[in-house]
Amino acid sequence: MASLINEAAASSSSSSLPLSSTDHQNHYRHQVFLSFRGDTRFNFTDHLYKALCDRGIETFRDADKLRIGEEISAALLKAIEESRVSIVVFSQNYASSRWCLDELVKILDCRKSEGQEVRPVFYKVNPSDVRYQKGAFGDAFAKLERRYKDSMGKWKATLKEAADLSGWTYEEERYETEFINDIVEELSTQVVNPSCKLPVAEHPIGLESCRQDVNILLHAEENTVRMVGIWGPGGIGKTTIAKDVFNSIHDKFKRSCFLADVRSTALVQLQEKLLSRILNSTLKVSSVDEGVSFIQTKMRHEKVLLILDDVSDSSQLQKLVPSPDCFGPGSRILVTTRDKRWLITHEVEKVYEVKMLNDHHALELFCLHAFRENGPPSDYLELAQRAVCYAQGLPLALIVLGSHLFRRRIEEWKAAIDSCKGGPQADIQKVLKLSYDALKVDLKELFLDIACFFKGWPVARVKLILEACYNHKTMMIGIARLQEKALIRIDGHEIWMHDLIEEMGRDIVFQNSPDEPGERSRVWSGEDVNDVLTYNTGTKEVKGIQVSSLPWRSSTISLNAKSFSGMEKLRYISMSHNVNYEFFSGDIDYLSKQLRWLDWPKCPLQCFPSDFHANKLVYLDISYSCRITRLWKGHKVLISNNLFYFKTCLIKKISNI
């Protein structure tokens, strides 16, 4: 293995996993390109640049971005091509620079060829002066004529074209800070991110009336702070309603933040996201109490729209919204939850109870997924009505069941619906499980991996892990099929599934061995991982182990030589660096030869078992593992060129790689 590991370490030790692009604007690297003359560099343009950056708008300014030794003209032309929007600051001396005018030509060329946005700022000059090259602006331009006579016609046409565009004109008696604020506000909401809207529902049946009812409760026009709750069972559409409300009113607020999946996200992480979104700056929170202090002291003057989605405990509300007074006048806080008592405990003023869909809307939603039409064919009418009856008006059940039955024969419909015994009060989980039961074995495994381990993870990383544990074709087909069956969704760059579907998947694994975690195919809770590794209860049934944090007071897992013995089919290990490990003075005796993915920063081992050949390993991260001095005794040769990622970042040098 030595030669391969040396090569992998040299090429990959400081690399990171391939990530999907976070740039939603095609190939753009910058959101804004600033074109300006040096007479505004250290005053107006500098203030504008800072305001844009403070708002989180990626802005190119040549003094900060050009690399030493690179030809200026080429670098600027490339920066213009890679920018979503160009802001041209027309000052009195702008037209005295050949560089500025050539920039402007390129900017307008990109507007025509790439559809890029161009917005002029007329700073202490009139648009007509730029359009016709008059006044002080015209005097500066005339100085170029003797040296660049051949270019004057092109530049004049370009200046006229730019002056005719919609932009901003500075008035002498106005404060510059107000003027700049107007530019940044309009740019943020209408140009850089004009559709700052959350994805809602493919078929928003009955959604409009729900949105209107919630907006009435919010009283968005009043200048007081108001909290409103959205309450209902899982799968009824609380998140969808909250997103639709957010989209309808977010432009009325200077700052807005949608905190998704509060139920299963660490409070510190939620606090950091809230603070960064509202304050437009990165703020590191070291503890929940510190986060509460920041929220109480730094947001008092901010008019915000805040959505807390899927709150499951009163402490989440207390730590994210200590009191309405933490936010500025006019702020609105919307909370979705399955448990009404958390809203009552936190004195939420108004609560909107989401109702099940009526029969008409339920049938329409079901048919849109089962037939891709508003209603069923006549020969399917009775079956469609029975299916809708089983779903009990719950949108999630209607969507999943409809997606499952799409393009199936009548006989398959009858078999599926008959399996939902119990009449109209049939268990919703039984309806949801129909889609899982219809999956092939490999796709069932794929689904269970996502339900137990990967909800909310970046899609690119999940695909790499699943491809390592299965194969590329299975992974690609599996992701597509699970999406088609509405069991998962790709939201932005992350992979998600509904809480009820996640619970269904985890319950399937749990029911295989309710009393013995070591006999389940996947182990994900910190308590169960500790039980399996401490008492050596893992069996050949275990295929994956993941722990991100420990929910009880102790943050320690006890290890011993036999911790991984018996887990012959273990292919995936991911251990958080936040967990401490008690370890005897020695090494483990066994690691599965089926292991594909080993993600264990701060690993407490000194070396791996000597009989661990790692033939199928494709990912190895043991960074910051200060105890490891060698991977194993002696040298090994990999017979398979699978390993693509190897990271150590060790304090001590590994001796045999």
Foldseek 3Di string as FASTA:
>chain_A
DQVLVVVQCVVFFPHDFDADDLDPPPQAPFAEEEQEDPVCPPPLVVVLVVVLVLLVGGYDDPVPPDDPPDDPLVVLLVNLLRYQEYEYEDDLQQLLDPSSLVSLLSNVVCCVPVVGHYAYEDEPHALVCQLQVDDSSVVSNVVCCVPPVVCSVVSNVSSNVNSPDHYHYDDPVDDSVVSSVVRSLCCVCCGSCVQPAFDADPDCQPLVVLLVVVCVQQVLVFFAEAEEEEEAAFQQRRVNSVRVNCSVCVSVFPFEDEAPPLVPDDLQVSLQRVCCRQSVDGDHDPDLVSSQVCLQPPAQAGAYEYEAEADDDLVSCCSNPVDSNSHYTSHYYYYYYHDCVSCVVRPRPYYHYRDFDDLQSLLQLLCCQQPVGRHDDPVCRVLSSLQSLQQLSRNRLSNLLSLQNHPHDPVVSVVLSVQQPDTSPGDSLSSNCSSLVPDDPLLNVLLLCCLQPFAFHFPSVSLVLSCLLPNNVSSVVSVVSCVSSQQWDCGSRGIHGTPSSSVSSVVVQCVVPVPQLLQGQEAEAPVNLLVQFVVVSHACSHAEYEYAAHPDDALEREHEQNRAPHNQNHAYYAYHPSGHYHYDPAAHADDHLNHAEAHAALDAGQEHHPPNQVLSHAEEAHAANANHQAHYPDAHDHPHSRHNHYHYVYPHHRDRD
